[in-house]
Amino acid sequence: MSDADTADRTAGAAEPPDRRREQHGWYFYDFACSVYSTSVLTVFVGPYLTSVAKAAADADGFVHPLGVPLRAGSVFAYAVSASVVLAVLVMPLAGAAADRTGRKKPLLAVAAYLGASATAGMFFLDGDRYLLGAFLLIVANASLTVSMALYNAYLPQIAGPEERDAVSSRGWAFGYTSGALVLVLDLVLYTGHESFGLSESEAVRICLASAGLWWGAFTLVPLRRLRDRRVAPGSEGVLGSGWRQLLATLRDMRRHPLTLSFLLAYLVYNDGVQTVISQASVYGSEELGLDQTTLITAVLLVQVLAIAGALGMGRLARSYGAKRTILGSLAVWTVILAAGYFLPAGAPVWFYALAAAIGLVLGGSQALSRSLFSHLVPRGKEAEYFSAYEMSDRGLSWLGPLVFGLAYQLTGSYRDAIISLVVFFALGFVLLARVPVREAVAAAGNPVPDRI
């Protein structure tokens, strides 16, 4: 490592005001992009794109992109799957380019504004333009995933080992704050669209487009405050093909088996988390018979309480360590699923109680997982390794929905489907408990915090 690089890495200790400025700017990317995950992906685009696809369908309910017959109701799921494939191919390229050149910020800007533009373009998704909607969703979703890998890679550079849990938790809290705020505004517009002289379709399209404008506007803050680090001489190079770079990243990670062990545990339990979040509305509407307003307000409740959960679990980590706190959250997730199995139909108050419990553990488990992984990344490999982390976070989150779907297909019961997800939290708990995190941090060549 060069003297310049070492100086850059220790600048945080020498110049706290500069480090704080970067941290505050870093929080705002979560504030910028989280509205996409909340308002667009979780609430609006799935049902709306499905309705647009159904408007374009033939008498049998099929659309025919490129002559291939697809059920209109499956267009949204296929678009999300395609975005995952695209992101998996691009992330290793972006991560390696950032590490080799030291220029994360321009790459972050490209990914962020590509995604924000695609989201804003959803305003034009009307009539039977399902192909436009699918294309914009693929671009926006893949761009978000790539940008988050680059964004997460800043964490080891702007926060020292002892403060990383708190900084990561604050970032998640900022994201949930913006998600809740925009969702409130969306609810006002959506439920009162007639008083604004808008059709329901126009209200939804404005909600979708405004998320893109919000994403783009607040991305200016991190782009102004974050700074690129110089890399050691000779580390720049011509980037190889996507597949060669992906294989190179995986080969390099084999030299750090304990880091890989953590990633495996994270892949398993995070798959459970993502599946609960994505399928909760289906469970609420199909099994419990709840209306759309109840489901949307439940998502809002999750967002609000996730702020407190992220900050609260960050404080717990300072006392008990990130690993123990995450393990505790996985135990709570298991209890949540068990309670969901016995939830009575047609009782919104109990569904809200379940949403509240999810909110309290959701933000903290995600924030502490990110900060814990940052300790396990070898120096100079931040963006590349966080690309692999992001693949575990988003790119491989297909197994949980598959298990959920198969359980429903075999039993015809959404209750059996939801309880089947317990296996992800139980197995994730066991795998994480077996990772010697202090040894893993030392093996990655990083200083070991007092509590981890």
Protein backbone atom coordinates (compact mmCIF):
# COMPACT_ATOMS: atom_id res chain seq x y z
CA MET A 1 0.00 0.00 0.00
CA SER A 2 1.31 3.43 -0.86
CA ASP A 3 2.01 6.17 1.69
CA ALA A 4 -0.65 8.30 0.00
CA ASP A 5 -3.22 5.57 0.34
CA THR A 6 -2.30 5.02 3.97
CA ALA A 7 -2.62 8.73 4.61
CA ASP A 8 -6.03 8.77 3.01
CA ARG A 9 -7.16 5.87 5.17
CA THR A 10 -6.04 7.53 8.36
CA ALA A 11 -7.38 10.93 7.42
CA GLY A 12 -10.54 10.22 9.36
CA ALA A 13 -8.60 10.05 12.61
CA ALA A 14 -6.57 13.16 11.80
CA GLU A 15 -9.42 15.31 10.50
CA PRO A 16 -12.72 14.50 12.30
CA PRO A 17 -14.65 17.43 10.74
CA ASP A 18 -13.88 16.14 7.23
CA ARG A 19 -14.83 12.62 8.23
CA ARG A 20 -18.12 13.79 9.74
CA ARG A 21 -18.90 15.77 6.61
CA GLU A 22 -18.40 12.66 4.49
CA GLN A 23 -20.50 10.56 6.85
CA HIS A 24 -23.36 13.05 6.70
CA GLY A 25 -23.17 13.09 2.92
CA TRP A 26 -23.06 9.30 2.87
CA TYR A 27 -26.28 9.06 4.90
CA PHE A 28 -28.08 11.07 2.26
CA TYR A 29 -27.71 8.45 -0.45
CA ASP A 30 -29.87 6.15 1.65
CA PHE A 31 -32.22 9.12 2.05
CA ALA A 32 -32.24 9.58 -1.73
CA CYS A 33 -32.73 6.05 -3.05
CA SER A 34 -34.84 4.38 -0.35
CA VAL A 35 -38.00 5.96 -1.72
CA TYR A 36 -37.61 3.73 -4.77
CA SER A 37 -37.59 0.58 -2.64
CA THR A 38 -40.53 1.76 -0.54
CA SER A 39 -42.91 3.63 -2.84
CA VAL A 40 -42.03 2.09 -6.19
CA LEU A 41 -41.01 -1.51 -5.65
CA THR A 42 -42.94 -2.38 -2.49
CA VAL A 43 -46.19 -0.47 -3.04
CA PHE A 44 -47.04 0.81 -6.50
CA VAL A 45 -45.23 -0.61 -9.52
CA GLY A 46 -46.13 -4.29 -9.09
CA PRO A 47 -49.93 -3.92 -9.12
CA TYR A 48 -49.84 -1.07 -11.65
CA LEU A 49 -47.54 -2.80 -14.15
CA THR A 50 -49.70 -5.90 -13.86
CA SER A 51 -52.81 -3.88 -14.69
CA VAL A 52 -51.05 -2.35 -17.72
CA ALA A 53 -49.96 -5.81 -18.89
CA LYS A 54 -53.52 -7.12 -18.49
CA ALA A 55 -54.76 -4.23 -20.65
CA ALA A 56 -52.41 -5.45 -23.40
CA ALA A 57 -53.26 -9.14 -22.97
CA ASP A 58 -55.23 -11.27 -25.39
CA ALA A 59 -58.51 -13.00 -24.57
CA ASP A 60 -56.64 -15.78 -22.76
CA GLY A 61 -54.73 -13.35 -20.54
CA PHE A 62 -51.38 -13.66 -22.33
CA VAL A 63 -49.01 -11.02 -23.69
CA HIS A 64 -46.49 -11.91 -26.39
CA PRO A 65 -43.16 -10.04 -26.10
CA LEU A 66 -40.94 -11.18 -28.98
CA GLY A 67 -43.58 -13.80 -29.77
CA VAL A 68 -43.19 -15.54 -26.39
CA PRO A 69 -46.52 -16.12 -24.59
CA LEU A 70 -46.43 -14.87 -20.99
CA ARG A 71 -49.25 -14.55 -18.51
CA ALA A 72 -49.89 -10.86 -17.91
CA GLY A 73 -49.76 -11.42 -14.16
CA SER A 74 -46.18 -12.70 -14.37
CA VAL A 75 -44.66 -9.72 -16.21
CA PHE A 76 -43.68 -7.93 -12.99
CA ALA A 77 -41.97 -11.02 -11.54
CA TYR A 78 -40.07 -11.69 -14.77
CA ALA A 79 -38.94 -8.05 -14.98
CA VAL A 80 -37.59 -8.16 -11.43
CA SER A 81 -35.78 -11.42 -12.19
CA ALA A 82 -34.25 -9.92 -15.34
CA SER A 83 -33.06 -6.90 -13.37
CA VAL A 84 -31.32 -9.22 -10.91
CA VAL A 85 -29.48 -11.00 -13.72
CA LEU A 86 -28.39 -7.68 -15.21
CA ALA A 87 -27.19 -6.37 -11.86
CA VAL A 88 -25.20 -9.54 -11.15
CA LEU A 89 -23.38 -9.12 -14.45
CA VAL A 90 -22.64 -5.42 -13.96
CA MET A 91 -21.73 -5.29 -10.25
CA PRO A 92 -18.34 -7.04 -10.49
CA LEU A 93 -17.36 -4.71 -13.33
CA ALA A 94 -18.37 -1.60 -11.41
CA GLY A 95 -16.76 -2.78 -8.19
CA ALA A 96 -13.45 -3.68 -9.80
CA ALA A 97 -13.38 -0.42 -11.76
CA ALA A 98 -13.95 1.54 -8.56
CA ASP A 99 -11.20 -0.31 -6.70
CA ARG A 100 -8.67 -0.11 -9.54
CA THR A 101 -9.15 3.57 -10.28
CA GLY A 102 -10.21 4.84 -6.88
CA ARG A 103 -13.07 6.70 -8.58
CA LYS A 104 -16.22 5.41 -6.91
CA LYS A 105 -18.06 8.71 -7.08
CA PRO A 106 -18.42 9.01 -10.89
CA LEU A 107 -19.61 5.41 -11.08
CA LEU A 108 -22.06 6.04 -8.24
CA ALA A 109 -23.37 9.10 -10.10
CA VAL A 110 -23.90 7.14 -13.32
CA ALA A 111 -25.75 4.30 -11.58
CA ALA A 112 -27.85 6.65 -9.43
CA TYR A 113 -28.97 8.95 -12.23
CA LEU A 114 -29.63 6.10 -14.62
CA GLY A 115 -31.93 4.56 -12.03
CA ALA A 116 -33.54 7.87 -11.10
CA SER A 117 -34.20 8.69 -14.76
CA ALA A 118 -35.77 5.30 -15.40
CA THR A 119 -37.99 5.73 -12.35
CA ALA A 120 -39.06 9.23 -13.39
CA GLY A 121 -39.82 7.82 -16.84
CA MET A 122 -42.48 5.59 -15.31
CA PHE A 123 -44.77 8.62 -15.55
CA PHE A 124 -45.27 7.58 -19.19
CA LEU A 125 -46.36 4.06 -18.22
CA ASP A 126 -50.02 4.03 -19.18
CA GLY A 127 -52.44 2.33 -21.51
CA ASP A 128 -50.95 -0.97 -22.65
CA ARG A 129 -47.25 0.00 -22.55
CA TYR A 130 -46.20 -2.97 -20.45
CA LEU A 131 -42.93 -3.41 -22.39
CA LEU A 132 -41.93 0.16 -21.54
CA GLY A 133 -42.77 -0.50 -17.91
CA ALA A 134 -40.80 -3.74 -17.82
CA PHE A 135 -37.79 -2.06 -19.44
CA LEU A 136 -37.83 0.89 -17.03
CA LEU A 137 -38.21 -1.45 -14.05
CA ILE A 138 -35.25 -3.57 -15.17
CA VAL A 139 -33.03 -0.49 -15.61
CA ALA A 140 -34.11 1.15 -12.34
CA ASN A 141 -33.81 -2.00 -10.23
CA ALA A 142 -30.42 -2.99 -11.63
CA SER A 143 -29.12 0.57 -11.26
CA LEU A 144 -30.20 0.70 -7.63
CA THR A 145 -28.40 -2.56 -6.89
CA VAL A 146 -25.16 -1.42 -8.56
CA SER A 147 -25.28 1.99 -6.88
CA MET A 148 -25.80 0.41 -3.45
CA ALA A 149 -22.70 -1.76 -3.91
CA LEU A 150 -20.64 1.36 -4.63
CA TYR A 151 -22.30 3.29 -1.81
CA ASN A 152 -21.68 0.53 0.74
CA ALA A 153 -18.01 0.39 -0.29
CA TYR A 154 -17.49 3.85 1.20
CA LEU A 155 -18.31 2.65 4.71
CA PRO A 156 -14.84 1.27 5.62
CA GLN A 157 -13.26 4.48 4.30
CA ILE A 158 -15.40 7.03 6.15
CA ALA A 159 -15.82 5.27 9.51
CA GLY A 160 -13.30 3.76 11.88
CA PRO A 161 -13.76 0.21 13.20
CA GLU A 162 -15.33 1.30 16.49
CA GLU A 163 -17.96 3.59 14.93
CA ARG A 164 -19.00 1.54 11.91
CA ASP A 165 -22.07 -0.04 13.51
CA ALA A 166 -23.44 3.37 14.49
CA VAL A 167 -22.68 4.97 11.11
CA SER A 168 -24.26 2.11 9.18
CA SER A 169 -27.34 2.20 11.43
CA ARG A 170 -27.73 5.95 10.91
CA GLY A 171 -27.61 5.43 7.16
CA TRP A 172 -30.45 2.91 7.33
CA ALA A 173 -32.39 5.27 9.62
CA PHE A 174 -32.03 8.09 7.07
CA GLY A 175 -33.36 5.76 4.39
CA TYR A 176 -36.37 4.68 6.39
CA THR A 177 -37.09 8.31 7.28
CA SER A 178 -37.30 9.31 3.63
CA GLY A 179 -39.29 6.20 2.76
CA ALA A 180 -41.87 7.01 5.43
CA LEU A 181 -42.06 10.69 4.50
CA VAL A 182 -42.61 10.08 0.81
CA LEU A 183 -45.05 7.25 1.49
CA VAL A 184 -47.19 9.65 3.57
CA LEU A 185 -47.24 12.11 0.67
CA ASP A 186 -48.08 9.29 -1.73
CA LEU A 187 -50.97 8.18 0.47
CA VAL A 188 -52.37 11.70 0.53
CA LEU A 189 -52.22 11.91 -3.26
CA TYR A 190 -53.45 8.37 -3.91
CA THR A 191 -56.38 8.36 -1.51
CA GLY A 192 -57.45 11.89 -2.43
CA HIS A 193 -56.71 11.84 -6.15
CA GLU A 194 -60.25 12.82 -7.11
CA SER A 195 -60.04 16.00 -5.05
CA PHE A 196 -56.87 16.87 -6.96
CA GLY A 197 -58.65 16.34 -10.27
CA LEU A 198 -56.61 13.22 -11.07
CA SER A 199 -57.55 9.73 -12.11
CA GLU A 200 -56.24 6.80 -10.06
CA SER A 201 -53.80 5.96 -12.87
CA GLU A 202 -52.47 9.51 -13.00
CA ALA A 203 -51.99 9.55 -9.23
CA VAL A 204 -49.99 6.31 -9.35
CA ARG A 205 -47.83 7.58 -12.22
CA ILE A 206 -47.09 10.79 -10.32
CA CYS A 207 -46.12 8.75 -7.25
CA LEU A 208 -43.77 6.65 -9.38
CA ALA A 209 -42.17 9.59 -11.16
CA SER A 210 -41.78 11.67 -8.00
CA ALA A 211 -39.70 8.86 -6.46
CA GLY A 212 -37.27 9.21 -9.36
CA LEU A 213 -37.09 12.99 -8.95
CA TRP A 214 -36.49 12.60 -5.19
CA TRP A 215 -33.75 10.02 -5.85
CA GLY A 216 -31.97 12.29 -8.31
CA ALA A 217 -32.30 15.48 -6.25
CA PHE A 218 -30.92 14.14 -2.97
CA THR A 219 -28.11 12.21 -4.68
CA LEU A 220 -26.47 15.61 -5.15
CA VAL A 221 -25.63 15.70 -1.43
CA PRO A 222 -23.38 12.59 -1.31
CA LEU A 223 -21.83 13.53 -4.66
CA ARG A 224 -20.76 16.86 -3.18
CA ARG A 225 -19.48 15.53 0.15
CA LEU A 226 -17.94 12.13 -0.56
CA ARG A 227 -14.43 12.08 -1.97
CA ASP A 228 -12.47 9.56 -3.98
CA ARG A 229 -9.32 7.98 -2.57
CA ARG A 230 -6.10 7.59 -4.48
CA VAL A 231 -4.99 4.02 -5.16
CA ALA A 232 -1.53 2.54 -4.97
CA PRO A 233 0.59 3.08 -8.13
CA GLY A 234 0.20 0.30 -10.63
CA SER A 235 -3.19 -0.83 -9.35
CA GLU A 236 -5.05 0.73 -12.26
CA GLY A 237 -5.64 -1.58 -15.17
CA VAL A 238 -7.83 -2.37 -18.10
CA LEU A 239 -10.99 -4.01 -16.90
CA GLY A 240 -11.60 -7.48 -18.24
CA SER A 241 -14.86 -8.96 -19.31
CA GLY A 242 -17.69 -9.29 -16.83
CA TRP A 243 -17.32 -13.03 -16.47
CA ARG A 244 -13.53 -12.90 -16.07
CA GLN A 245 -13.88 -10.21 -13.44
CA LEU A 246 -16.56 -12.14 -11.58
CA LEU A 247 -14.40 -15.26 -11.53
CA ALA A 248 -11.40 -13.22 -10.40
CA THR A 249 -13.43 -11.77 -7.54
CA LEU A 250 -14.62 -15.20 -6.44
CA ARG A 251 -11.08 -16.62 -6.65
CA ASP A 252 -9.80 -13.76 -4.52
CA MET A 253 -12.54 -14.31 -1.96
CA ARG A 254 -11.48 -17.95 -1.61
CA ARG A 255 -8.35 -16.60 0.09
CA HIS A 256 -10.62 -15.32 2.86
CA PRO A 257 -12.79 -18.33 3.80
CA LEU A 258 -14.12 -16.73 6.98
CA THR A 259 -15.41 -13.76 4.98
CA LEU A 260 -17.10 -16.22 2.65
CA SER A 261 -18.61 -18.02 5.66
CA PHE A 262 -20.22 -14.79 6.80
CA LEU A 263 -21.52 -14.11 3.28
CA LEU A 264 -23.11 -17.57 3.20
CA ALA A 265 -24.86 -16.96 6.52
CA TYR A 266 -26.00 -13.53 5.36
CA LEU A 267 -27.27 -14.94 2.06
CA VAL A 268 -29.45 -17.44 3.93
CA TYR A 269 -31.01 -15.23 6.60
CA ASN A 270 -31.31 -12.17 4.37
CA ASP A 271 -33.18 -14.27 1.82
CA GLY A 272 -35.70 -14.93 4.56
CA VAL A 273 -35.92 -11.22 5.42
CA GLN A 274 -36.45 -10.16 1.80
CA THR A 275 -39.09 -12.84 1.25
CA VAL A 276 -41.08 -11.82 4.32
CA ILE A 277 -41.07 -8.20 3.13
CA SER A 278 -42.01 -9.02 -0.47
CA GLN A 279 -44.72 -11.56 0.39
CA ALA A 280 -46.29 -9.87 3.42
CA SER A 281 -48.79 -7.93 1.29
CA VAL A 282 -49.82 -11.12 -0.55
CA TYR A 283 -50.28 -12.89 2.79
CA GLY A 284 -52.27 -9.96 4.15
CA SER A 285 -54.59 -9.66 1.16
CA GLU A 286 -55.05 -13.32 0.18
CA GLU A 287 -54.94 -15.12 3.54
CA LEU A 288 -56.12 -12.41 5.96
CA GLY A 289 -58.50 -10.58 3.62
CA LEU A 290 -57.12 -7.10 4.34
CA ASP A 291 -57.78 -4.15 2.04
CA GLN A 292 -55.19 -2.10 0.14
CA THR A 293 -55.34 0.85 2.52
CA THR A 294 -54.49 -1.39 5.47
CA LEU A 295 -51.57 -2.89 3.60
CA ILE A 296 -50.14 0.49 2.59
CA THR A 297 -50.43 1.93 6.09
CA ALA A 298 -48.79 -1.21 7.46
CA VAL A 299 -45.81 -0.58 5.14
CA LEU A 300 -45.69 2.98 6.46
CA LEU A 301 -45.65 1.68 10.03
CA VAL A 302 -42.73 -0.60 9.15
CA GLN A 303 -40.82 2.37 7.75
CA VAL A 304 -41.35 4.54 10.82
CA LEU A 305 -40.44 1.88 13.37
CA ALA A 306 -37.47 0.68 11.30
CA ILE A 307 -35.85 4.05 12.04
CA ALA A 308 -36.02 3.43 15.79
CA GLY A 309 -35.05 -0.20 15.26
CA ALA A 310 -31.92 0.66 13.26
CA LEU A 311 -30.75 3.21 15.82
CA GLY A 312 -31.70 1.07 18.81
CA MET A 313 -29.93 -2.04 17.55
CA GLY A 314 -26.90 0.11 16.74
CA ARG A 315 -26.75 1.04 20.43
CA LEU A 316 -27.16 -2.60 21.46
CA ALA A 317 -24.23 -3.51 19.21
CA ARG A 318 -22.00 -1.08 21.09
CA SER A 319 -22.69 -3.04 24.28
CA TYR A 320 -23.01 -6.60 23.04
CA GLY A 321 -21.30 -6.59 19.63
CA ALA A 322 -22.81 -6.71 16.14
CA LYS A 323 -22.75 -10.50 15.85
CA ARG A 324 -24.71 -11.13 19.06
CA THR A 325 -27.20 -8.40 18.22
CA ILE A 326 -27.82 -9.86 14.76
CA LEU A 327 -28.28 -13.33 16.27
CA GLY A 328 -30.84 -11.87 18.65
CA SER A 329 -32.70 -10.27 15.75
CA LEU A 330 -32.85 -13.61 13.91
CA ALA A 331 -34.50 -15.16 16.97
CA VAL A 332 -37.08 -12.34 16.91
CA TRP A 333 -37.70 -12.91 13.17
CA THR A 334 -38.50 -16.56 13.95
CA VAL A 335 -41.03 -15.51 16.60
CA ILE A 336 -42.59 -13.07 14.10
CA LEU A 337 -43.17 -15.86 11.58
CA ALA A 338 -44.68 -18.10 14.23
CA ALA A 339 -47.03 -15.29 15.27
CA GLY A 340 -47.91 -14.64 11.62
CA TYR A 341 -48.92 -18.26 11.18
CA PHE A 342 -51.57 -17.90 13.92
CA LEU A 343 -52.73 -14.40 12.92
CA PRO A 344 -56.55 -14.29 12.70
CA ALA A 345 -58.15 -13.28 9.40
CA GLY A 346 -59.92 -9.94 9.10
CA ALA A 347 -58.14 -8.39 12.11
CA PRO A 348 -56.06 -5.38 10.99
CA VAL A 349 -54.91 -4.57 14.52
CA TRP A 350 -52.95 -7.83 14.76
CA PHE A 351 -51.47 -7.30 11.31
CA TYR A 352 -50.32 -3.85 12.43
CA ALA A 353 -48.75 -5.44 15.53
CA LEU A 354 -46.85 -7.85 13.30
CA ALA A 355 -45.76 -4.96 11.05
CA ALA A 356 -44.50 -3.09 14.11
CA ALA A 357 -42.39 -6.06 15.19
CA ILE A 358 -40.95 -6.39 11.68
CA GLY A 359 -40.07 -2.71 11.63
CA LEU A 360 -38.18 -2.92 14.92
CA VAL A 361 -35.83 -5.68 13.72
CA LEU A 362 -35.70 -4.97 9.98
CA GLY A 363 -33.47 -1.90 9.88
CA GLY A 364 -31.12 -3.06 12.63
CA SER A 365 -30.47 -6.51 11.21
CA GLN A 366 -29.65 -5.03 7.81
CA ALA A 367 -27.53 -2.16 9.11
CA LEU A 368 -25.45 -4.32 11.45
CA SER A 369 -24.93 -6.97 8.77
CA ARG A 370 -23.47 -4.28 6.51
CA SER A 371 -21.19 -2.86 9.18
CA LEU A 372 -20.03 -6.31 10.29
CA PHE A 373 -19.16 -7.26 6.72
CA SER A 374 -17.16 -4.03 6.32
CA HIS A 375 -14.72 -5.34 8.94
CA LEU A 376 -14.18 -8.51 6.89
CA VAL A 377 -13.20 -6.77 3.62
CA PRO A 378 -9.46 -6.68 2.74
CA ARG A 379 -8.11 -3.19 2.20
CA GLY A 380 -8.29 -1.94 -1.35
CA LYS A 381 -11.05 -4.43 -2.24
CA GLU A 382 -14.00 -2.52 -0.80
CA ALA A 383 -16.11 -1.96 -3.91
CA GLU A 384 -15.35 -5.39 -5.35
CA TYR A 385 -16.28 -7.23 -2.14
CA PHE A 386 -19.34 -5.10 -1.54
CA SER A 387 -20.46 -6.06 -5.04
CA ALA A 388 -20.43 -9.67 -3.83
CA TYR A 389 -22.26 -8.56 -0.67
CA GLU A 390 -24.87 -6.80 -2.78
CA MET A 391 -25.30 -9.98 -4.83
CA SER A 392 -26.02 -11.81 -1.58
CA ASP A 393 -28.40 -9.01 -0.60
CA ARG A 394 -30.33 -8.71 -3.86
CA GLY A 395 -28.90 -10.87 -6.62
CA LEU A 396 -29.52 -14.21 -4.92
CA SER A 397 -32.80 -13.42 -3.16
CA TRP A 398 -34.81 -15.80 -5.34
CA LEU A 399 -34.68 -18.93 -3.17
CA GLY A 400 -37.00 -17.63 -0.45
CA PRO A 401 -39.82 -16.71 -2.86
CA LEU A 402 -39.35 -20.11 -4.54
CA VAL A 403 -39.75 -21.93 -1.22
CA PHE A 404 -42.76 -19.74 -0.38
CA GLY A 405 -44.35 -20.48 -3.76
CA LEU A 406 -43.67 -24.19 -3.61
CA ALA A 407 -45.08 -24.42 -0.09
CA TYR A 408 -48.27 -22.72 -1.26
CA GLN A 409 -48.45 -24.89 -4.38
CA LEU A 410 -48.11 -28.11 -2.37
CA THR A 411 -50.40 -27.18 0.53
CA GLY A 412 -52.73 -24.51 -0.86
CA SER A 413 -52.19 -22.55 2.36
CA TYR A 414 -50.41 -19.21 2.69
CA ARG A 415 -50.03 -19.95 6.41
CA ASP A 416 -47.95 -23.01 5.61
CA ALA A 417 -46.02 -20.93 3.08
CA ILE A 418 -45.15 -18.21 5.60
CA ILE A 419 -44.08 -20.66 8.31
CA SER A 420 -41.83 -22.45 5.79
CA LEU A 421 -39.55 -19.40 5.88
CA VAL A 422 -38.47 -20.23 9.44
CA VAL A 423 -35.80 -22.48 7.94
CA PHE A 424 -33.94 -19.46 6.54
CA PHE A 425 -33.66 -17.77 9.93
CA ALA A 426 -32.82 -20.95 11.81
CA LEU A 427 -30.13 -22.01 9.34
CA GLY A 428 -28.80 -18.45 9.09
CA PHE A 429 -28.56 -18.31 12.88
CA VAL A 430 -26.51 -21.52 13.01
CA LEU A 431 -24.19 -20.47 10.17
CA LEU A 432 -23.56 -17.00 11.65
CA ALA A 433 -23.01 -18.40 15.14
CA ARG A 434 -20.21 -20.59 13.74
CA VAL A 435 -18.29 -17.66 12.20
CA PRO A 436 -15.40 -16.55 14.46
CA VAL A 437 -15.75 -12.86 13.60
CA ARG A 438 -12.72 -11.61 15.53
CA GLU A 439 -10.53 -14.12 13.73
CA ALA A 440 -12.20 -13.20 10.44
CA VAL A 441 -11.45 -9.49 10.92
CA ALA A 442 -7.81 -10.22 11.70
CA ALA A 443 -7.53 -12.59 8.70
CA ALA A 444 -8.74 -9.77 6.43
CA GLY A 445 -5.88 -7.60 7.70
CA ASN A 446 -8.09 -5.14 9.59
CA PRO A 447 -7.90 -3.89 13.20
CA VAL A 448 -10.19 -5.83 15.52
CA PRO A 449 -12.70 -3.63 17.43
CA ASP A 450 -13.14 -4.11 21.17
CA ARG A 451 -16.69 -5.34 20.58
CA ILE A 452 -17.80 -7.10 17.41
